[in-house]
Amino acid sequence: MMTYAQELLAEGRAEGRVEGRAEGKMRAEVEMIESFLREGVGWAVIERATGLNEAQFEALKQQVEALNE
């Protein structure tokens, strides 16, 4: 049987793993779009492929940059 402190610690670890996966996914998406842009892919294609428009990409990129601070 777990103590309350152990339960809280386990819950915190689980939340940390979920947040880490979400952060990793955001970073990967930014990297993928930046790669598309370097290759000259237009925003119409990028939007169809990712579901993100240019404004959404910029917002996502800012969120990722904030995580790096």
PDB file of N, CA and C in Angstrom:
ATOM      1  N   MET A   1       0.850  -1.177   0.000  1.00  0.00           N
ATOM      2  CA  MET A   1       0.000   0.000   0.000  1.00  0.00           C
ATOM      3  C   MET A   1       0.896   1.241   0.000  1.00  0.00           C
ATOM      4  N   MET A   2       0.568   2.189  -0.875  1.00  0.00           N
ATOM      5  CA  MET A   2       1.360   3.411  -0.996  1.00  0.00           C
ATOM      6  C   MET A   2       0.889   4.450   0.016  1.00  0.00           C
ATOM      7  N   THR A   3       1.844   5.211   0.513  1.00  0.00           N
ATOM      8  CA  THR A   3       1.480   6.328   1.365  1.00  0.00           C
ATOM      9  C   THR A   3       0.957   7.456   0.481  1.00  0.00           C
ATOM     10  N   TYR A   4       0.340   8.437   1.094  1.00  0.00           N
ATOM     11  CA  TYR A   4      -0.180   9.577   0.338  1.00  0.00           C
ATOM     12  C   TYR A   4       0.962  10.307  -0.365  1.00  0.00           C
ATOM     13  N   ALA A   5       2.093  10.451   0.298  1.00  0.00           N
ATOM     14  CA  ALA A   5       3.249  11.117  -0.310  1.00  0.00           C
ATOM     15  C   ALA A   5       3.739  10.335  -1.525  1.00  0.00           C
ATOM     16  N   GLN A   6       3.754   9.019  -1.432  1.00  0.00           N
ATOM     17  CA  GLN A   6       4.179   8.198  -2.557  1.00  0.00           C
ATOM     18  C   GLN A   6       3.203   8.324  -3.728  1.00  0.00           C
ATOM     19  N   GLU A   7       1.907   8.398  -3.415  1.00  0.00           N
ATOM     20  CA  GLU A   7       0.894   8.580  -4.459  1.00  0.00           C
ATOM     21  C   GLU A   7       1.088   9.913  -5.171  1.00  0.00           C
ATOM     22  N   LEU A   8       1.340  10.966  -4.390  1.00  0.00           N
ATOM     23  CA  LEU A   8       1.566  12.286  -4.985  1.00  0.00           C
ATOM     24  C   LEU A   8       2.816  12.287  -5.858  1.00  0.00           C
ATOM     25  N   LEU A   9       3.860  11.650  -5.390  1.00  0.00           N
ATOM     26  CA  LEU A   9       5.101  11.566  -6.152  1.00  0.00           C
ATOM     27  C   LEU A   9       4.877  10.802  -7.458  1.00  0.00           C
ATOM     28  N   ALA A  10       4.162   9.693  -7.397  1.00  0.00           N
ATOM     29  CA  ALA A  10       3.871   8.902  -8.597  1.00  0.00           C
ATOM     30  C   ALA A  10       3.030   9.709  -9.578  1.00  0.00           C
ATOM     31  N   GLU A  11       2.065  10.454  -9.064  1.00  0.00           N
ATOM     32  CA  GLU A  11       1.219  11.298  -9.912  1.00  0.00           C
ATOM     33  C   GLU A  11       2.054  12.388 -10.586  1.00  0.00           C
ATOM     34  N   GLY A  12       2.948  12.983  -9.843  1.00  0.00           N
ATOM     35  CA  GLY A  12       3.827  14.014 -10.392  1.00  0.00           C
ATOM     36  C   GLY A  12       4.725  13.471 -11.484  1.00  0.00           C
ATOM     37  N   ARG A  13       5.236  12.278 -11.269  1.00  0.00           N
ATOM     38  CA  ARG A  13       6.091  11.643 -12.292  1.00  0.00           C
ATOM     39  C   ARG A  13       5.296  11.362 -13.550  1.00  0.00           C
ATOM     40  N   ALA A  14       4.071  10.875 -13.390  1.00  0.00           N
ATOM     41  CA  ALA A  14       3.222  10.581 -14.550  1.00  0.00           C
ATOM     42  C   ALA A  14       2.917  11.864 -15.328  1.00  0.00           C
ATOM     43  N   GLU A  15       2.595  12.927 -14.612  1.00  0.00           N
ATOM     44  CA  GLU A  15       2.321  14.207 -15.274  1.00  0.00           C
ATOM     45  C   GLU A  15       3.563  14.721 -15.989  1.00  0.00           C
ATOM     46  N   GLY A  16       4.714  14.542 -15.387  1.00  0.00           N
ATOM     47  CA  GLY A  16       5.969  14.960 -16.002  1.00  0.00           C
ATOM     48  C   GLY A  16       6.243  14.218 -17.297  1.00  0.00           C
ATOM     49  N   ARG A  17       5.931  12.930 -17.309  1.00  0.00           N
ATOM     50  CA  ARG A  17       6.127  12.145 -18.537  1.00  0.00           C
ATOM     51  C   ARG A  17       5.192  12.629 -19.633  1.00  0.00           C
ATOM     52  N   VAL A  18       3.945  12.920 -19.275  1.00  0.00           N
ATOM     53  CA  VAL A  18       2.975  13.411 -20.263  1.00  0.00           C
ATOM     54  C   VAL A  18       3.431  14.762 -20.812  1.00  0.00           C
ATOM     55  N   GLU A  19       3.852  15.664 -19.925  1.00  0.00           N
ATOM     56  CA  GLU A  19       4.320  16.975 -20.363  1.00  0.00           C
ATOM     57  C   GLU A  19       5.565  16.846 -21.229  1.00  0.00           C
ATOM     58  N   GLY A  20       6.456  15.955 -20.872  1.00  0.00           N
ATOM     59  CA  GLY A  20       7.670  15.738 -21.656  1.00  0.00           C
ATOM     60  C   GLY A  20       7.356  15.245 -23.054  1.00  0.00           C
ATOM     61  N   ARG A  21       6.402  14.332 -23.159  1.00  0.00           N
ATOM     62  CA  ARG A  21       6.009  13.836 -24.487  1.00  0.00           C
ATOM     63  C   ARG A  21       5.371  14.957 -25.294  1.00  0.00           C
ATOM     64  N   ALA A  22       4.537  15.786 -24.669  1.00  0.00           N
ATOM     65  CA  ALA A  22       3.893  16.895 -25.374  1.00  0.00           C
ATOM     66  C   ALA A  22       4.942  17.894 -25.854  1.00  0.00           C
ATOM     67  N   GLU A  23       5.907  18.205 -25.004  1.00  0.00           N
ATOM     68  CA  GLU A  23       6.973  19.134 -25.390  1.00  0.00           C
ATOM     69  C   GLU A  23       7.788  18.559 -26.543  1.00  0.00           C
ATOM     70  N   GLY A  24       8.078  17.282 -26.482  1.00  0.00           N
ATOM     71  CA  GLY A  24       8.821  16.635 -27.556  1.00  0.00           C
ATOM     72  C   GLY A  24       8.075  16.675 -28.872  1.00  0.00           C
ATOM     73  N   LYS A  25       6.764  16.468 -28.796  1.00  0.00           N
ATOM     74  CA  LYS A  25       5.937  16.511 -30.008  1.00  0.00           C
ATOM     75  C   LYS A  25       5.925  17.914 -30.595  1.00  0.00           C
ATOM     76  N   MET A  26       5.817  18.931 -29.738  1.00  0.00           N
ATOM     77  CA  MET A  26       5.815  20.315 -30.220  1.00  0.00           C
ATOM     78  C   MET A  26       7.138  20.639 -30.895  1.00  0.00           C
ATOM     79  N   ARG A  27       8.233  20.251 -30.265  1.00  0.00           N
ATOM     80  CA  ARG A  27       9.560  20.511 -30.844  1.00  0.00           C
ATOM     81  C   ARG A  27       9.715  19.820 -32.193  1.00  0.00           C
ATOM     82  N   ALA A  28       9.264  18.573 -32.275  1.00  0.00           N
ATOM     83  CA  ALA A  28       9.367  17.808 -33.518  1.00  0.00           C
ATOM     84  C   ALA A  28       8.547  18.463 -34.621  1.00  0.00           C
ATOM     85  N   GLU A  29       7.377  18.964 -34.273  1.00  0.00           N
ATOM     86  CA  GLU A  29       6.523  19.608 -35.276  1.00  0.00           C
ATOM     87  C   GLU A  29       7.171  20.890 -35.793  1.00  0.00           C
ATOM     88  N   VAL A  30       7.746  21.686 -34.888  1.00  0.00           N
ATOM     89  CA  VAL A  30       8.441  22.904 -35.302  1.00  0.00           C
ATOM     90  C   VAL A  30       9.614  22.544 -36.210  1.00  0.00           C
ATOM     91  N   GLU A  31      10.389  21.552 -35.831  1.00  0.00           N
ATOM     92  CA  GLU A  31      11.540  21.141 -36.636  1.00  0.00           C
ATOM     93  C   GLU A  31      11.104  20.657 -38.014  1.00  0.00           C
ATOM     94  N   MET A  32      10.008  19.909 -38.067  1.00  0.00           N
ATOM     95  CA  MET A  32       9.516  19.401 -39.341  1.00  0.00           C
ATOM     96  C   MET A  32       9.092  20.553 -40.254  1.00  0.00           C
ATOM     97  N   ILE A  33       8.343  21.512 -39.712  1.00  0.00           N
ATOM     98  CA  ILE A  33       7.887  22.640 -40.523  1.00  0.00           C
ATOM     99  C   ILE A  33       9.073  23.482 -40.972  1.00  0.00           C
ATOM    100  N   GLU A  34      10.023  23.701 -40.085  1.00  0.00           N
ATOM    101  CA  GLU A  34      11.215  24.453 -40.480  1.00  0.00           C
ATOM    102  C   GLU A  34      11.966  23.727 -41.595  1.00  0.00           C
ATOM    103  N   SER A  35      12.002  22.414 -41.549  1.00  0.00           N
ATOM    104  CA  SER A  35      12.634  21.628 -42.601  1.00  0.00           C
ATOM    105  C   SER A  35      11.883  21.790 -43.919  1.00  0.00           C
ATOM    106  N   PHE A  36      10.555  21.728 -43.864  1.00  0.00           N
ATOM    107  CA  PHE A  36       9.746  21.969 -45.064  1.00  0.00           C
ATOM    108  C   PHE A  36      10.073  23.327 -45.662  1.00  0.00           C
ATOM    109  N   LEU A  37      10.137  24.349 -44.798  1.00  0.00           N
ATOM    110  CA  LEU A  37      10.403  25.704 -45.283  1.00  0.00           C
ATOM    111  C   LEU A  37      11.784  25.804 -45.922  1.00  0.00           C
ATOM    112  N   ARG A  38      12.783  25.164 -45.323  1.00  0.00           N
ATOM    113  CA  ARG A  38      14.135  25.180 -45.904  1.00  0.00           C
ATOM    114  C   ARG A  38      14.151  24.542 -47.289  1.00  0.00           C
ATOM    115  N   GLU A  39      13.285  23.567 -47.487  1.00  0.00           N
ATOM    116  CA  GLU A  39      13.209  22.873 -48.776  1.00  0.00           C
ATOM    117  C   GLU A  39      12.325  23.614 -49.784  1.00  0.00           C
ATOM    118  N   GLY A  40      11.762  24.744 -49.365  1.00  0.00           N
ATOM    119  CA  GLY A  40      10.954  25.542 -50.279  1.00  0.00           C
ATOM    120  C   GLY A  40       9.501  25.119 -50.390  1.00  0.00           C
ATOM    121  N   VAL A  41       9.041  24.309 -49.458  1.00  0.00           N
ATOM    122  CA  VAL A  41       7.642  23.877 -49.479  1.00  0.00           C
ATOM    123  C   VAL A  41       6.767  25.065 -49.091  1.00  0.00           C
ATOM    124  N   GLY A  42       5.682  25.288 -49.824  1.00  0.00           N
ATOM    125  CA  GLY A  42       4.787  26.407 -49.564  1.00  0.00           C
ATOM    126  C   GLY A  42       3.839  26.142 -48.408  1.00  0.00           C
ATOM    127  N   TRP A  43       3.272  27.216 -47.880  1.00  0.00           N
ATOM    128  CA  TRP A  43       2.393  27.100 -46.717  1.00  0.00           C
ATOM    129  C   TRP A  43       1.123  26.323 -47.007  1.00  0.00           C
ATOM    130  N   ALA A  44       0.638  26.352 -48.237  1.00  0.00           N
ATOM    131  CA  ALA A  44      -0.575  25.583 -48.552  1.00  0.00           C
ATOM    132  C   ALA A  44      -0.323  24.088 -48.329  1.00  0.00           C
ATOM    133  N   VAL A  45       0.842  23.617 -48.753  1.00  0.00           N
ATOM    134  CA  VAL A  45       1.195  22.204 -48.577  1.00  0.00           C
ATOM    135  C   VAL A  45       1.457  21.903 -47.104  1.00  0.00           C
ATOM    136  N   ILE A  46       2.196  22.790 -46.440  1.00  0.00           N
ATOM    137  CA  ILE A  46       2.503  22.586 -45.015  1.00  0.00           C
ATOM    138  C   ILE A  46       1.214  22.533 -44.204  1.00  0.00           C
ATOM    139  N   GLU A  47       0.277  23.421 -44.504  1.00  0.00           N
ATOM    140  CA  GLU A  47      -0.990  23.444 -43.764  1.00  0.00           C
ATOM    141  C   GLU A  47      -1.774  22.147 -43.982  1.00  0.00           C
ATOM    142  N   ARG A  48      -1.798  21.664 -45.204  1.00  0.00           N
ATOM    143  CA  ARG A  48      -2.498  20.392 -45.463  1.00  0.00           C
ATOM    144  C   ARG A  48      -1.812  19.232 -44.744  1.00  0.00           C
ATOM    145  N   ALA A  49      -0.479  19.250 -44.708  1.00  0.00           N
ATOM    146  CA  ALA A  49       0.271  18.145 -44.101  1.00  0.00           C
ATOM    147  C   ALA A  49       0.219  18.161 -42.576  1.00  0.00           C
ATOM    148  N   THR A  50       0.228  19.371 -41.976  1.00  0.00           N
ATOM    149  CA  THR A  50       0.340  19.461 -40.516  1.00  0.00           C
ATOM    150  C   THR A  50      -0.929  19.933 -39.827  1.00  0.00           C
ATOM    151  N   GLY A  51      -1.795  20.600 -40.580  1.00  0.00           N
ATOM    152  CA  GLY A  51      -2.993  21.170 -39.973  1.00  0.00           C
ATOM    153  C   GLY A  51      -2.735  22.523 -39.337  1.00  0.00           C
ATOM    154  N   LEU A  52      -1.515  23.039 -39.466  1.00  0.00           N
ATOM    155  CA  LEU A  52      -1.159  24.336 -38.884  1.00  0.00           C
ATOM    156  C   LEU A  52      -0.953  25.363 -39.983  1.00  0.00           C
ATOM    157  N   ASN A  53      -1.500  26.559 -39.760  1.00  0.00           N
ATOM    158  CA  ASN A  53      -1.210  27.641 -40.690  1.00  0.00           C
ATOM    159  C   ASN A  53       0.007  28.405 -40.177  1.00  0.00           C
ATOM    160  N   GLU A  54       0.416  29.429 -40.911  1.00  0.00           N
ATOM    161  CA  GLU A  54       1.639  30.145 -40.557  1.00  0.00           C
ATOM    162  C   GLU A  54       1.540  30.809 -39.184  1.00  0.00           C
ATOM    163  N   ALA A  55       0.398  31.403 -38.866  1.00  0.00           N
ATOM    164  CA  ALA A  55       0.229  32.063 -37.567  1.00  0.00           C
ATOM    165  C   ALA A  55       0.291  31.044 -36.428  1.00  0.00           C
ATOM    166  N   GLN A  56      -0.345  29.890 -36.614  1.00  0.00           N
ATOM    167  CA  GLN A  56      -0.316  28.844 -35.590  1.00  0.00           C
ATOM    168  C   GLN A  56       1.100  28.313 -35.405  1.00  0.00           C
ATOM    169  N   PHE A  57       1.836  28.188 -36.512  1.00  0.00           N
ATOM    170  CA  PHE A  57       3.222  27.742 -36.433  1.00  0.00           C
ATOM    171  C   PHE A  57       4.056  28.723 -35.624  1.00  0.00           C
ATOM    172  N   GLU A  58       3.889  30.012 -35.896  1.00  0.00           N
ATOM    173  CA  GLU A  58       4.660  31.020 -35.162  1.00  0.00           C
ATOM    174  C   GLU A  58       4.345  30.963 -33.671  1.00  0.00           C
ATOM    175  N   ALA A  59       3.073  30.767 -33.323  1.00  0.00           N
ATOM    176  CA  ALA A  59       2.690  30.666 -31.914  1.00  0.00           C
ATOM    177  C   ALA A  59       3.323  29.421 -31.280  1.00  0.00           C
ATOM    178  N   LEU A  60       3.294  28.305 -32.000  1.00  0.00           N
ATOM    179  CA  LEU A  60       3.892  27.065 -31.503  1.00  0.00           C
ATOM    180  C   LEU A  60       5.401  27.232 -31.333  1.00  0.00           C
ATOM    181  N   LYS A  61       6.026  27.883 -32.304  1.00  0.00           N
ATOM    182  CA  LYS A  61       7.465  28.112 -32.236  1.00  0.00           C
ATOM    183  C   LYS A  61       7.822  28.959 -31.007  1.00  0.00           C
ATOM    184  N   GLN A  62       7.010  29.960 -30.708  1.00  0.00           N
ATOM    185  CA  GLN A  62       7.243  30.792 -29.523  1.00  0.00           C
ATOM    186  C   GLN A  62       7.099  29.970 -28.249  1.00  0.00           C
ATOM    187  N   GLN A  63       6.129  29.075 -28.213  1.00  0.00           N
ATOM    188  CA  GLN A  63       5.955  28.219 -27.034  1.00  0.00           C
ATOM    189  C   GLN A  63       7.181  27.337 -26.823  1.00  0.00           C
ATOM    190  N   VAL A  64       7.694  26.765 -27.901  1.00  0.00           N
ATOM    191  CA  VAL A  64       8.881  25.912 -27.816  1.00  0.00           C
ATOM    192  C   VAL A  64      10.075  26.729 -27.353  1.00  0.00           C
ATOM    193  N   GLU A  65      10.244  27.923 -27.912  1.00  0.00           N
ATOM    194  CA  GLU A  65      11.353  28.784 -27.507  1.00  0.00           C
ATOM    195  C   GLU A  65      11.246  29.151 -26.024  1.00  0.00           C
ATOM    196  N   ALA A  66      10.032  29.363 -25.524  1.00  0.00           N
ATOM    197  CA  ALA A  66       9.820  29.683 -24.114  1.00  0.00           C
ATOM    198  C   ALA A  66      10.220  28.501 -23.228  1.00  0.00           C
ATOM    199  N   LEU A  67      10.007  27.282 -23.716  1.00  0.00           N
ATOM    200  CA  LEU A  67      10.394  26.095 -22.956  1.00  0.00           C
ATOM    201  C   LEU A  67      11.906  26.002 -22.817  1.00  0.00           C
ATOM    202  N   ASN A  68      12.617  26.536 -23.791  1.00  0.00           N
ATOM    203  CA  ASN A  68      14.079  26.474 -23.784  1.00  0.00           C
ATOM    204  C   ASN A  68      14.703  27.496 -22.836  1.00  0.00           C
ATOM    205  N   GLU A  69      13.931  28.443 -22.366  1.00  0.00           N
ATOM    206  CA  GLU A  69      14.482  29.496 -21.487  1.00  0.00           C
ATOM    207  C   GLU A  69      14.635  29.021 -20.070  1.00  0.00           C
TER     208      GLU A  69
END
